[in-house]
PDB file of N, CA and C in Angstrom:
ATOM      1  N   MET A   1     -78.994 395.556  50.848  1.00  0.00           N
ATOM      2  CA  MET A   1     -78.515 395.311  49.505  1.00  0.00           C
ATOM      3  C   MET A   1     -77.119 394.707  49.594  1.00  0.00           C
ATOM      4  N   ASN A   2     -76.906 393.608  48.925  1.00  0.00           N
ATOM      5  CA  ASN A   2     -75.613 392.938  48.904  1.00  0.00           C
ATOM      6  C   ASN A   2     -74.733 393.584  47.837  1.00  0.00           C
ATOM      7  N   MET A   3     -73.713 394.332  48.272  1.00  0.00           N
ATOM      8  CA  MET A   3     -72.850 395.076  47.344  1.00  0.00           C
ATOM      9  C   MET A   3     -72.078 394.155  46.405  1.00  0.00           C
ATOM     10  N   ASN A   4     -71.754 392.965  46.864  1.00  0.00           N
ATOM     11  CA  ASN A   4     -71.035 392.027  46.004  1.00  0.00           C
ATOM     12  C   ASN A   4     -71.901 391.642  44.799  1.00  0.00           C
ATOM     13  N   THR A   5     -73.172 391.412  45.039  1.00  0.00           N
ATOM     14  CA  THR A   5     -74.101 391.086  43.955  1.00  0.00           C
ATOM     15  C   THR A   5     -74.282 392.276  43.025  1.00  0.00           C
ATOM     16  N   VAL A   6     -74.425 393.461  43.590  1.00  0.00           N
ATOM     17  CA  VAL A   6     -74.567 394.680  42.791  1.00  0.00           C
ATOM     18  C   VAL A   6     -73.331 394.865  41.919  1.00  0.00           C
ATOM     19  N   ARG A   7     -72.149 394.668  42.491  1.00  0.00           N
ATOM     20  CA  ARG A   7     -70.896 394.813  41.758  1.00  0.00           C
ATOM     21  C   ARG A   7     -70.851 393.840  40.568  1.00  0.00           C
ATOM     22  N   LYS A   8     -71.261 392.605  40.800  1.00  0.00           N
ATOM     23  CA  LYS A   8     -71.265 391.599  39.728  1.00  0.00           C
ATOM     24  C   LYS A   8     -72.221 391.994  38.605  1.00  0.00           C
ATOM     25  N   ILE A   9     -73.373 392.511  38.962  1.00  0.00           N
ATOM     26  CA  ILE A   9     -74.355 392.939  37.957  1.00  0.00           C
ATOM     27  C   ILE A   9     -73.819 394.114  37.148  1.00  0.00           C
ATOM     28  N   ILE A  10     -73.246 395.085  37.831  1.00  0.00           N
ATOM     29  CA  ILE A  10     -72.687 396.255  37.144  1.00  0.00           C
ATOM     30  C   ILE A  10     -71.523 395.834  36.247  1.00  0.00           C
ATOM     31  N   ASP A  11     -70.655 394.959  36.739  1.00  0.00           N
ATOM     32  CA  ASP A  11     -69.542 394.465  35.922  1.00  0.00           C
ATOM     33  C   ASP A  11     -70.046 393.746  34.670  1.00  0.00           C
ATOM     34  N   ALA A  12     -71.089 392.942  34.835  1.00  0.00           N
ATOM     35  CA  ALA A  12     -71.655 392.221  33.685  1.00  0.00           C
ATOM     36  C   ALA A  12     -72.234 393.201  32.665  1.00  0.00           C
ATOM     37  N   LEU A  13     -72.923 394.221  33.155  1.00  0.00           N
ATOM     38  CA  LEU A  13     -73.482 395.226  32.243  1.00  0.00           C
ATOM     39  C   LEU A  13     -72.385 396.026  31.546  1.00  0.00           C
ATOM     40  N   SER A  14     -71.256 396.211  32.217  1.00  0.00           N
ATOM     41  CA  SER A  14     -70.170 396.996  31.618  1.00  0.00           C
ATOM     42  C   SER A  14     -69.549 396.293  30.418  1.00  0.00           C
ATOM     43  N   ILE A  15     -69.598 394.971  30.381  1.00  0.00           N
ATOM     44  CA  ILE A  15     -69.025 394.246  29.244  1.00  0.00           C
ATOM     45  C   ILE A  15     -70.083 393.766  28.254  1.00  0.00           C
ATOM     46  N   HIS A  16     -71.339 393.955  28.586  1.00  0.00           N
ATOM     47  CA  HIS A  16     -72.428 393.527  27.711  1.00  0.00           C
ATOM     48  C   HIS A  16     -72.453 394.419  26.465  1.00  0.00           C
ATOM     49  N   THR A  17     -72.602 393.806  25.301  1.00  0.00           N
ATOM     50  CA  THR A  17     -72.546 394.563  24.046  1.00  0.00           C
ATOM     51  C   THR A  17     -73.887 395.169  23.632  1.00  0.00           C
ATOM     52  N   ASP A  18     -74.959 394.748  24.241  1.00  0.00           N
ATOM     53  CA  ASP A  18     -76.277 395.287  23.902  1.00  0.00           C
ATOM     54  C   ASP A  18     -76.339 396.759  24.299  1.00  0.00           C
ATOM     55  N   PRO A  19     -76.683 397.655  23.359  1.00  0.00           N
ATOM     56  CA  PRO A  19     -76.764 399.087  23.694  1.00  0.00           C
ATOM     57  C   PRO A  19     -77.727 399.393  24.839  1.00  0.00           C
ATOM     58  N   GLU A  20     -78.694 398.537  25.064  1.00  0.00           N
ATOM     59  CA  GLU A  20     -79.657 398.741  26.146  1.00  0.00           C
ATOM     60  C   GLU A  20     -78.975 398.674  27.519  1.00  0.00           C
ATOM     61  N   SER A  21     -77.821 398.020  27.589  1.00  0.00           N
ATOM     62  CA  SER A  21     -77.113 397.931  28.866  1.00  0.00           C
ATOM     63  C   SER A  21     -76.710 399.320  29.365  1.00  0.00           C
ATOM     64  N   VAL A  22     -76.434 400.248  28.449  1.00  0.00           N
ATOM     65  CA  VAL A  22     -76.114 401.629  28.838  1.00  0.00           C
ATOM     66  C   VAL A  22     -77.329 402.269  29.495  1.00  0.00           C
ATOM     67  N   ASN A  23     -78.499 402.042  28.928  1.00  0.00           N
ATOM     68  CA  ASN A  23     -79.723 402.605  29.500  1.00  0.00           C
ATOM     69  C   ASN A  23     -80.007 402.039  30.890  1.00  0.00           C
ATOM     70  N   VAL A  24     -79.763 400.754  31.074  1.00  0.00           N
ATOM     71  CA  VAL A  24     -79.984 400.137  32.383  1.00  0.00           C
ATOM     72  C   VAL A  24     -79.026 400.744  33.410  1.00  0.00           C
ATOM     73  N   LEU A  25     -77.748 400.854  33.042  1.00  0.00           N
ATOM     74  CA  LEU A  25     -76.779 401.460  33.956  1.00  0.00           C
ATOM     75  C   LEU A  25     -77.187 402.891  34.297  1.00  0.00           C
ATOM     76  N   ASN A  26     -77.628 403.632  33.304  1.00  0.00           N
ATOM     77  CA  ASN A  26     -78.030 405.018  33.535  1.00  0.00           C
ATOM     78  C   ASN A  26     -79.248 405.105  34.444  1.00  0.00           C
ATOM     79  N   GLU A  27     -80.278 404.378  34.127  1.00  0.00           N
ATOM     80  CA  GLU A  27     -81.532 404.479  34.879  1.00  0.00           C
ATOM     81  C   GLU A  27     -81.414 403.952  36.302  1.00  0.00           C
ATOM     82  N   VAL A  28     -80.727 402.855  36.468  1.00  0.00           N
ATOM     83  CA  VAL A  28     -80.674 402.227  37.786  1.00  0.00           C
ATOM     84  C   VAL A  28     -79.464 402.692  38.586  1.00  0.00           C
ATOM     85  N   GLY A  29     -78.294 402.639  37.971  1.00  0.00           N
ATOM     86  CA  GLY A  29     -77.062 402.900  38.711  1.00  0.00           C
ATOM     87  C   GLY A  29     -76.770 404.356  38.982  1.00  0.00           C
ATOM     88  N   THR A  30     -76.892 405.212  37.968  1.00  0.00           N
ATOM     89  CA  THR A  30     -76.524 406.612  38.183  1.00  0.00           C
ATOM     90  C   THR A  30     -77.552 407.363  39.010  1.00  0.00           C
ATOM     91  N   ASN A  31     -78.715 406.789  39.187  1.00  0.00           N
ATOM     92  CA  ASN A  31     -79.764 407.422  39.986  1.00  0.00           C
ATOM     93  C   ASN A  31     -79.859 406.842  41.398  1.00  0.00           C
ATOM     94  N   SER A  32     -78.945 405.956  41.739  1.00  0.00           N
ATOM     95  CA  SER A  32     -78.972 405.321  43.055  1.00  0.00           C
ATOM     96  C   SER A  32     -78.684 406.340  44.156  1.00  0.00           C
ATOM     97  N   ALA A  33     -79.277 406.122  45.300  1.00  0.00           N
ATOM     98  CA  ALA A  33     -79.015 406.973  46.461  1.00  0.00           C
ATOM     99  C   ALA A  33     -77.693 406.586  47.137  1.00  0.00           C
ATOM    100  N   ILE A  34     -77.116 405.478  46.716  1.00  0.00           N
ATOM    101  CA  ILE A  34     -75.891 404.964  47.332  1.00  0.00           C
ATOM    102  C   ILE A  34     -74.680 405.390  46.499  1.00  0.00           C
ATOM    103  N   ASP A  35     -73.780 406.153  47.127  1.00  0.00           N
ATOM    104  CA  ASP A  35     -72.595 406.652  46.428  1.00  0.00           C
ATOM    105  C   ASP A  35     -71.791 405.525  45.779  1.00  0.00           C
ATOM    106  N   GLU A  36     -71.601 404.437  46.489  1.00  0.00           N
ATOM    107  CA  GLU A  36     -70.789 403.325  45.978  1.00  0.00           C
ATOM    108  C   GLU A  36     -71.385 402.744  44.690  1.00  0.00           C
ATOM    109  N   VAL A  37     -72.697 402.674  44.608  1.00  0.00           N
ATOM    110  CA  VAL A  37     -73.354 402.166  43.399  1.00  0.00           C
ATOM    111  C   VAL A  37     -73.156 403.156  42.246  1.00  0.00           C
ATOM    112  N   ARG A  38     -73.317 404.442  42.524  1.00  0.00           N
ATOM    113  CA  ARG A  38     -73.103 405.455  41.480  1.00  0.00           C
ATOM    114  C   ARG A  38     -71.653 405.438  40.995  1.00  0.00           C
ATOM    115  N   GLU A  39     -70.730 405.246  41.927  1.00  0.00           N
ATOM    116  CA  GLU A  39     -69.312 405.189  41.568  1.00  0.00           C
ATOM    117  C   GLU A  39     -69.035 403.990  40.655  1.00  0.00           C
ATOM    118  N   MET A  40     -69.504 402.819  41.033  1.00  0.00           N
ATOM    119  CA  MET A  40     -69.300 401.623  40.214  1.00  0.00           C
ATOM    120  C   MET A  40     -69.942 401.798  38.835  1.00  0.00           C
ATOM    121  N   THR A  41     -71.119 402.394  38.828  1.00  0.00           N
ATOM    122  CA  THR A  41     -71.841 402.587  37.577  1.00  0.00           C
ATOM    123  C   THR A  41     -71.117 403.558  36.657  1.00  0.00           C
ATOM    124  N   SER A  42     -70.636 404.648  37.202  1.00  0.00           N
ATOM    125  CA  SER A  42     -69.904 405.622  36.385  1.00  0.00           C
ATOM    126  C   SER A  42     -68.665 404.998  35.770  1.00  0.00           C
ATOM    127  N   LYS A  43     -67.937 404.219  36.563  1.00  0.00           N
ATOM    128  CA  LYS A  43     -66.750 403.553  36.033  1.00  0.00           C
ATOM    129  C   LYS A  43     -67.124 402.543  34.954  1.00  0.00           C
ATOM    130  N   ALA A  44     -68.245 401.854  35.131  1.00  0.00           N
ATOM    131  CA  ALA A  44     -68.703 400.886  34.126  1.00  0.00           C
ATOM    132  C   ALA A  44     -69.070 401.596  32.822  1.00  0.00           C
ATOM    133  N   LEU A  45     -69.699 402.739  32.926  1.00  0.00           N
ATOM    134  CA  LEU A  45     -70.059 403.501  31.727  1.00  0.00           C
ATOM    135  C   LEU A  45     -68.810 403.997  30.999  1.00  0.00           C
ATOM    136  N   VAL A  46     -67.819 404.453  31.750  1.00  0.00           N
ATOM    137  CA  VAL A  46     -66.560 404.893  31.133  1.00  0.00           C
ATOM    138  C   VAL A  46     -65.870 403.701  30.469  1.00  0.00           C
ATOM    139  N   LYS A  47     -65.881 402.571  31.137  1.00  0.00           N
ATOM    140  CA  LYS A  47     -65.247 401.359  30.606  1.00  0.00           C
ATOM    141  C   LYS A  47     -65.821 400.980  29.234  1.00  0.00           C
ATOM    142  N   LYS A  48     -67.125 401.219  29.033  1.00  0.00           N
ATOM    143  CA  LYS A  48     -67.743 400.917  27.746  1.00  0.00           C
ATOM    144  C   LYS A  48     -67.113 401.752  26.625  1.00  0.00           C
ATOM    145  N   ASN A  49     -66.733 402.974  26.939  1.00  0.00           N
ATOM    146  CA  ASN A  49     -66.049 403.871  26.011  1.00  0.00           C
ATOM    147  C   ASN A  49     -66.799 404.025  24.682  1.00  0.00           C
ATOM    148  N   VAL A  50     -68.111 404.189  24.783  1.00  0.00           N
ATOM    149  CA  VAL A  50     -68.944 404.483  23.607  1.00  0.00           C
ATOM    150  C   VAL A  50     -69.654 405.809  23.856  1.00  0.00           C
ATOM    151  N   HIS A  51     -70.055 406.456  22.782  1.00  0.00           N
ATOM    152  CA  HIS A  51     -70.577 407.815  22.853  1.00  0.00           C
ATOM    153  C   HIS A  51     -71.679 407.992  23.901  1.00  0.00           C
ATOM    154  N   ASN A  52     -72.742 407.206  23.796  1.00  0.00           N
ATOM    155  CA  ASN A  52     -73.882 407.437  24.699  1.00  0.00           C
ATOM    156  C   ASN A  52     -73.542 407.163  26.161  1.00  0.00           C
ATOM    157  N   ALA A  53     -72.632 406.224  26.438  1.00  0.00           N
ATOM    158  CA  ALA A  53     -72.230 405.954  27.821  1.00  0.00           C
ATOM    159  C   ALA A  53     -71.365 407.091  28.360  1.00  0.00           C
ATOM    160  N   LEU A  54     -70.423 407.548  27.545  1.00  0.00           N
ATOM    161  CA  LEU A  54     -69.540 408.641  27.976  1.00  0.00           C
ATOM    162  C   LEU A  54     -70.314 409.944  28.145  1.00  0.00           C
ATOM    163  N   GLU A  55     -71.283 410.165  27.296  1.00  0.00           N
ATOM    164  CA  GLU A  55     -72.083 411.387  27.386  1.00  0.00           C
ATOM    165  C   GLU A  55     -72.822 411.465  28.727  1.00  0.00           C
ATOM    166  N   ILE A  56     -73.274 410.329  29.214  1.00  0.00           N
ATOM    167  CA  ILE A  56     -73.984 410.295  30.504  1.00  0.00           C
ATOM    168  C   ILE A  56     -73.081 410.796  31.623  1.00  0.00           C
ATOM    169  N   VAL A  57     -71.839 410.311  31.663  1.00  0.00           N
ATOM    170  CA  VAL A  57     -70.954 410.651  32.778  1.00  0.00           C
ATOM    171  C   VAL A  57     -70.238 411.987  32.596  1.00  0.00           C
ATOM    172  N   ILE A  58     -70.294 412.545  31.391  1.00  0.00           N
ATOM    173  CA  ILE A  58     -69.622 413.827  31.136  1.00  0.00           C
ATOM    174  C   ILE A  58     -70.608 414.989  31.109  1.00  0.00           C
ATOM    175  N   ALA A  59     -71.713 414.831  30.412  1.00  0.00           N
ATOM    176  CA  ALA A  59     -72.581 415.973  30.121  1.00  0.00           C
ATOM    177  C   ALA A  59     -73.855 416.050  30.952  1.00  0.00           C
ATOM    178  N   ASN A  60     -74.113 415.077  31.790  1.00  0.00           N
ATOM    179  CA  ASN A  60     -75.343 415.110  32.580  1.00  0.00           C
ATOM    180  C   ASN A  60     -75.099 415.700  33.962  1.00  0.00           C
ATOM    181  N   GLN A  61     -75.883 416.690  34.292  1.00  0.00           N
ATOM    182  CA  GLN A  61     -75.787 417.306  35.612  1.00  0.00           C
ATOM    183  C   GLN A  61     -76.167 416.284  36.677  1.00  0.00           C
ATOM    184  N   GLY A  62     -75.345 416.199  37.725  1.00  0.00           N
ATOM    185  CA  GLY A  62     -75.627 415.284  38.827  1.00  0.00           C
ATOM    186  C   GLY A  62     -75.129 413.869  38.608  1.00  0.00           C
ATOM    187  N   LYS A  63     -74.457 413.606  37.494  1.00  0.00           N
ATOM    188  CA  LYS A  63     -73.959 412.262  37.206  1.00  0.00           C
ATOM    189  C   LYS A  63     -72.494 412.322  36.820  1.00  0.00           C
ATOM    190  N   GLY A  64     -71.774 411.240  37.071  1.00  0.00           N
ATOM    191  CA  GLY A  64     -70.384 411.128  36.647  1.00  0.00           C
ATOM    192  C   GLY A  64     -69.508 412.235  37.188  1.00  0.00           C
ATOM    193  N   ILE A  65     -68.877 413.005  36.285  1.00  0.00           N
ATOM    194  CA  ILE A  65     -67.972 414.075  36.717  1.00  0.00           C
ATOM    195  C   ILE A  65     -68.719 415.213  37.386  1.00  0.00           C
ATOM    196  N   ASN A  66     -70.032 415.228  37.246  1.00  0.00           N
ATOM    197  CA  ASN A  66     -70.871 416.279  37.833  1.00  0.00           C
ATOM    198  C   ASN A  66     -71.643 415.804  39.063  1.00  0.00           C
ATOM    199  N   ASP A  67     -71.290 414.632  39.580  1.00  0.00           N
ATOM    200  CA  ASP A  67     -71.956 414.089  40.763  1.00  0.00           C
ATOM    201  C   ASP A  67     -71.645 414.970  41.971  1.00  0.00           C
ATOM    202  N   LEU A  68     -72.600 415.103  42.867  1.00  0.00           N
ATOM    203  CA  LEU A  68     -72.391 415.901  44.077  1.00  0.00           C
ATOM    204  C   LEU A  68     -71.398 415.250  45.037  1.00  0.00           C
ATOM    205  N   SER A  69     -71.236 413.943  44.934  1.00  0.00           N
ATOM    206  CA  SER A  69     -70.256 413.238  45.757  1.00  0.00           C
ATOM    207  C   SER A  69     -68.882 413.382  45.099  1.00  0.00           C
ATOM    208  N   THR A  70     -67.941 413.928  45.842  1.00  0.00           N
ATOM    209  CA  THR A  70     -66.595 414.082  45.274  1.00  0.00           C
ATOM    210  C   THR A  70     -65.954 412.723  44.990  1.00  0.00           C
ATOM    211  N   VAL A  71     -66.302 411.721  45.761  1.00  0.00           N
ATOM    212  CA  VAL A  71     -65.762 410.374  45.527  1.00  0.00           C
ATOM    213  C   VAL A  71     -66.214 409.866  44.160  1.00  0.00           C
ATOM    214  N   VAL A  72     -67.483 410.029  43.852  1.00  0.00           N
ATOM    215  CA  VAL A  72     -68.018 409.581  42.567  1.00  0.00           C
ATOM    216  C   VAL A  72     -67.410 410.396  41.434  1.00  0.00           C
ATOM    217  N   ALA A  73     -67.375 411.708  41.595  1.00  0.00           N
ATOM    218  CA  ALA A  73     -66.840 412.570  40.540  1.00  0.00           C
ATOM    219  C   ALA A  73     -65.368 412.262  40.271  1.00  0.00           C
ATOM    220  N   MET A  74     -64.561 412.157  41.314  1.00  0.00           N
ATOM    221  CA  MET A  74     -63.135 411.896  41.127  1.00  0.00           C
ATOM    222  C   MET A  74     -62.877 410.499  40.574  1.00  0.00           C
ATOM    223  N   SER A  75     -63.665 409.544  40.993  1.00  0.00           N
ATOM    224  CA  SER A  75     -63.532 408.185  40.470  1.00  0.00           C
ATOM    225  C   SER A  75     -63.821 408.166  38.967  1.00  0.00           C
ATOM    226  N   THR A  76     -64.832 408.910  38.561  1.00  0.00           N
ATOM    227  CA  THR A  76     -65.176 409.001  37.145  1.00  0.00           C
ATOM    228  C   THR A  76     -64.058 409.692  36.369  1.00  0.00           C
ATOM    229  N   ILE A  77     -63.530 410.764  36.915  1.00  0.00           N
ATOM    230  CA  ILE A  77     -62.435 411.484  36.260  1.00  0.00           C
ATOM    231  C   ILE A  77     -61.221 410.561  36.112  1.00  0.00           C
ATOM    232  N   ASN A  78     -60.887 409.833  37.159  1.00  0.00           N
ATOM    233  CA  ASN A  78     -59.756 408.902  37.084  1.00  0.00           C
ATOM    234  C   ASN A  78     -59.990 407.816  36.037  1.00  0.00           C
ATOM    235  N   ALA A  79     -61.222 407.331  35.935  1.00  0.00           N
ATOM    236  CA  ALA A  79     -61.541 406.323  34.920  1.00  0.00           C
ATOM    237  C   ALA A  79     -61.372 406.913  33.519  1.00  0.00           C
ATOM    238  N   LEU A  80     -61.815 408.157  33.333  1.00  0.00           N
ATOM    239  CA  LEU A  80     -61.651 408.817  32.032  1.00  0.00           C
ATOM    240  C   LEU A  80     -60.165 408.993  31.701  1.00  0.00           C
ATOM    241  N   LEU A  81     -59.381 409.398  32.687  1.00  0.00           N
ATOM    242  CA  LEU A  81     -57.951 409.604  32.465  1.00  0.00           C
ATOM    243  C   LEU A  81     -57.229 408.299  32.139  1.00  0.00           C
ATOM    244  N   SER A  82     -57.741 407.194  32.620  1.00  0.00           N
ATOM    245  CA  SER A  82     -57.076 405.913  32.384  1.00  0.00           C
ATOM    246  C   SER A  82     -57.513 405.228  31.085  1.00  0.00           C
ATOM    247  N   LEU A  83     -58.448 405.838  30.363  1.00  0.00           N
ATOM    248  CA  LEU A  83     -58.856 405.255  29.086  1.00  0.00           C
ATOM    249  C   LEU A  83     -57.662 405.165  28.146  1.00  0.00           C
ATOM    250  N   GLU A  84     -57.553 404.043  27.462  1.00  0.00           N
ATOM    251  CA  GLU A  84     -56.485 403.895  26.475  1.00  0.00           C
ATOM    252  C   GLU A  84     -56.778 404.772  25.256  1.00  0.00           C
ATOM    253  N   ASP A  85     -58.020 404.732  24.786  1.00  0.00           N
ATOM    254  CA  ASP A  85     -58.440 405.564  23.651  1.00  0.00           C
ATOM    255  C   ASP A  85     -59.362 406.653  24.185  1.00  0.00           C
ATOM    256  N   LYS A  86     -58.852 407.860  24.229  1.00  0.00           N
ATOM    257  CA  LYS A  86     -59.583 408.985  24.800  1.00  0.00           C
ATOM    258  C   LYS A  86     -60.324 409.805  23.744  1.00  0.00           C
ATOM    259  N   THR A  87     -60.301 409.384  22.500  1.00  0.00           N
ATOM    260  CA  THR A  87     -60.840 410.164  21.387  1.00  0.00           C
ATOM    261  C   THR A  87     -62.297 410.561  21.597  1.00  0.00           C
ATOM    262  N   GLU A  88     -63.149 409.597  21.875  1.00  0.00           N
ATOM    263  CA  GLU A  88     -64.580 409.881  22.026  1.00  0.00           C
ATOM    264  C   GLU A  88     -64.849 410.746  23.248  1.00  0.00           C
ATOM    265  N   ALA A  89     -64.162 410.469  24.334  1.00  0.00           N
ATOM    266  CA  ALA A  89     -64.342 411.255  25.559  1.00  0.00           C
ATOM    267  C   ALA A  89     -63.959 412.717  25.311  1.00  0.00           C
ATOM    268  N   ILE A  90     -62.873 412.943  24.605  1.00  0.00           N
ATOM    269  CA  ILE A  90     -62.436 414.314  24.323  1.00  0.00           C
ATOM    270  C   ILE A  90     -63.443 415.032  23.436  1.00  0.00           C
ATOM    271  N   LYS A  91     -64.007 414.331  22.460  1.00  0.00           N
ATOM    272  CA  LYS A  91     -65.048 414.937  21.598  1.00  0.00           C
ATOM    273  C   LYS A  91     -66.246 415.383  22.438  1.00  0.00           C
ATOM    274  N   ILE A  92     -66.674 414.521  23.346  1.00  0.00           N
ATOM    275  CA  ILE A  92     -67.833 414.844  24.184  1.00  0.00           C
ATOM    276  C   ILE A  92     -67.494 415.984  25.143  1.00  0.00           C
ATOM    277  N   LEU A  93     -66.299 415.976  25.693  1.00  0.00           N
ATOM    278  CA  LEU A  93     -65.873 417.078  26.573  1.00  0.00           C
ATOM    279  C   LEU A  93     -65.879 418.396  25.809  1.00  0.00           C
ATOM    280  N   GLU A  94     -65.334 418.408  24.598  1.00  0.00           N
ATOM    281  CA  GLU A  94     -65.311 419.627  23.785  1.00  0.00           C
ATOM    282  C   GLU A  94     -66.724 420.112  23.475  1.00  0.00           C
ATOM    283  N   ASP A  95     -67.599 419.181  23.102  1.00  0.00           N
ATOM    284  CA  ASP A  95     -68.988 419.543  22.797  1.00  0.00           C
ATOM    285  C   ASP A  95     -69.696 420.090  24.031  1.00  0.00           C
ATOM    286  N   THR A  96     -69.423 419.500  25.174  1.00  0.00           N
ATOM    287  CA  THR A  96     -70.034 419.950  26.425  1.00  0.00           C
ATOM    288  C   THR A  96     -69.557 421.354  26.781  1.00  0.00           C
ATOM    289  N   VAL A  97     -68.267 421.596  26.636  1.00  0.00           N
ATOM    290  CA  VAL A  97     -67.705 422.924  26.927  1.00  0.00           C
ATOM    291  C   VAL A  97     -68.336 423.978  26.019  1.00  0.00           C
ATOM    292  N   GLU A  98     -68.532 423.635  24.761  1.00  0.00           N
ATOM    293  CA  GLU A  98     -69.057 424.584  23.773  1.00  0.00           C
ATOM    294  C   GLU A  98     -70.568 424.801  23.869  1.00  0.00           C
ATOM    295  N   ASN A  99     -71.312 423.758  24.199  1.00  0.00           N
ATOM    296  CA  ASN A  99     -72.755 423.820  23.984  1.00  0.00           C
ATOM    297  C   ASN A  99     -73.657 423.594  25.191  1.00  0.00           C
ATOM    298  N   HIS A 100     -73.136 423.162  26.318  1.00  0.00           N
ATOM    299  CA  HIS A 100     -74.033 422.832  27.431  1.00  0.00           C
ATOM    300  C   HIS A 100     -74.619 424.104  28.032  1.00  0.00           C
ATOM    301  N   SER A 101     -75.859 424.022  28.459  1.00  0.00           N
ATOM    302  CA  SER A 101     -76.555 425.195  28.996  1.00  0.00           C
ATOM    303  C   SER A 101     -76.155 425.529  30.434  1.00  0.00           C
ATOM    304  N   GLU A 102     -75.663 424.549  31.186  1.00  0.00           N
ATOM    305  CA  GLU A 102     -75.307 424.771  32.593  1.00  0.00           C
ATOM    306  C   GLU A 102     -73.826 425.129  32.727  1.00  0.00           C
ATOM    307  N   GLU A 103     -73.546 426.264  33.338  1.00  0.00           N
ATOM    308  CA  GLU A 103     -72.174 426.740  33.490  1.00  0.00           C
ATOM    309  C   GLU A 103     -71.314 425.766  34.298  1.00  0.00           C
ATOM    310  N   GLU A 104     -71.856 425.207  35.363  1.00  0.00           N
ATOM    311  CA  GLU A 104     -71.096 424.282  36.201  1.00  0.00           C
ATOM    312  C   GLU A 104     -70.673 423.032  35.416  1.00  0.00           C
ATOM    313  N   VAL A 105     -71.560 422.525  34.576  1.00  0.00           N
ATOM    314  CA  VAL A 105     -71.246 421.359  33.752  1.00  0.00           C
ATOM    315  C   VAL A 105     -70.157 421.717  32.739  1.00  0.00           C
ATOM    316  N   ARG A 106     -70.256 422.901  32.140  1.00  0.00           N
ATOM    317  CA  ARG A 106     -69.226 423.360  31.195  1.00  0.00           C
ATOM    318  C   ARG A 106     -67.873 423.487  31.896  1.00  0.00           C
ATOM    319  N   ASP A 107     -67.878 424.059  33.100  1.00  0.00           N
ATOM    320  CA  ASP A 107     -66.638 424.235  33.851  1.00  0.00           C
ATOM    321  C   ASP A 107     -65.995 422.893  34.205  1.00  0.00           C
ATOM    322  N   ASN A 108     -66.803 421.938  34.644  1.00  0.00           N
ATOM    323  CA  ASN A 108     -66.274 420.610  34.969  1.00  0.00           C
ATOM    324  C   ASN A 108     -65.692 419.942  33.727  1.00  0.00           C
ATOM    325  N   ALA A 109     -66.398 420.049  32.616  1.00  0.00           N
ATOM    326  CA  ALA A 109     -65.914 419.456  31.362  1.00  0.00           C
ATOM    327  C   ALA A 109     -64.606 420.116  30.936  1.00  0.00           C
ATOM    328  N   ARG A 110     -64.523 421.421  31.079  1.00  0.00           N
ATOM    329  CA  ARG A 110     -63.301 422.164  30.728  1.00  0.00           C
ATOM    330  C   ARG A 110     -62.120 421.670  31.575  1.00  0.00           C
ATOM    331  N   SER A 111     -62.343 421.491  32.862  1.00  0.00           N
ATOM    332  CA  SER A 111     -61.282 421.030  33.767  1.00  0.00           C
ATOM    333  C   SER A 111     -60.828 419.609  33.428  1.00  0.00           C
ATOM    334  N   VAL A 112     -61.776 418.722  33.172  1.00  0.00           N
ATOM    335  CA  VAL A 112     -61.428 417.347  32.835  1.00  0.00           C
ATOM    336  C   VAL A 112     -60.718 417.290  31.485  1.00  0.00           C
ATOM    337  N   LYS A 113     -61.166 418.114  30.547  1.00  0.00           N
ATOM    338  CA  LYS A 113     -60.501 418.167  29.235  1.00  0.00           C
ATOM    339  C   LYS A 113     -59.049 418.587  29.394  1.00  0.00           C
ATOM    340  N   ALA A 114     -58.781 419.566  30.255  1.00  0.00           N
ATOM    341  CA  ALA A 114     -57.401 420.004  30.506  1.00  0.00           C
ATOM    342  C   ALA A 114     -56.578 418.885  31.133  1.00  0.00           C
ATOM    343  N   LEU A 115     -57.153 418.165  32.079  1.00  0.00           N
ATOM    344  CA  LEU A 115     -56.448 417.029  32.690  1.00  0.00           C
ATOM    345  C   LEU A 115     -56.144 415.952  31.663  1.00  0.00           C
ATOM    346  N   MET A 116     -57.088 415.695  30.772  1.00  0.00           N
ATOM    347  CA  MET A 116     -56.880 414.669  29.744  1.00  0.00           C
ATOM    348  C   MET A 116     -55.778 415.090  28.777  1.00  0.00           C
ATOM    349  N   ALA A 117     -55.722 416.363  28.473  1.00  0.00           N
ATOM    350  CA  ALA A 117     -54.665 416.853  27.578  1.00  0.00           C
ATOM    351  C   ALA A 117     -53.290 416.653  28.226  1.00  0.00           C
ATOM    352  N   LEU A 118     -53.211 416.845  29.531  1.00  0.00           N
ATOM    353  CA  LEU A 118     -51.955 416.645  30.245  1.00  0.00           C
ATOM    354  C   LEU A 118     -51.570 415.181  30.351  1.00  0.00           C
ATOM    355  N   SER A 119     -52.559 414.292  30.335  1.00  0.00           N
ATOM    356  CA  SER A 119     -52.279 412.863  30.525  1.00  0.00           C
ATOM    357  C   SER A 119     -51.912 412.160  29.222  1.00  0.00           C
ATOM    358  N   CYS A 120     -52.032 412.836  28.096  1.00  0.00           N
ATOM    359  CA  CYS A 120     -51.713 412.194  26.808  1.00  0.00           C
ATOM    360  C   CYS A 120     -50.231 412.184  26.537  1.00  0.00           C
TER     361      CYS A 120
END
C-alpha cells in the first residue's frame, strides 16, 4: 500500500463537504489494521469538526481516543486539543461521560474533557 496515496485520499475526504465522506473515513480508515492509516483517519475526522465525525473518534470503543494504539489515541487527543472551536467536541465528551455504557470509554472522555478545559 502506497502511504502517500492513502494520505492524499484521506486528506481529500477530510475537506470533502459530503456527509458520506465521514462514513467512508469511518468504515475504511478507522477499521484499518495499519496504525498510521487509523491515525491519519482520526485526525481527518477531528479536522471535519462536525458532530458525527467527532462522535466516532470520541465515543466509539477501539477508535480515536479509545484506540488500542497509544500513537493513534494521543494523535487524536492532540488534534482535539488543537481545534479552534471546541464546542461540539466538548458536548460529545460530556455526553459520553454521562451516558456511555463502557467505563473505559467514559474514563477516556473524562480525561480528554479535563485536558480540553485546561487548554481553553
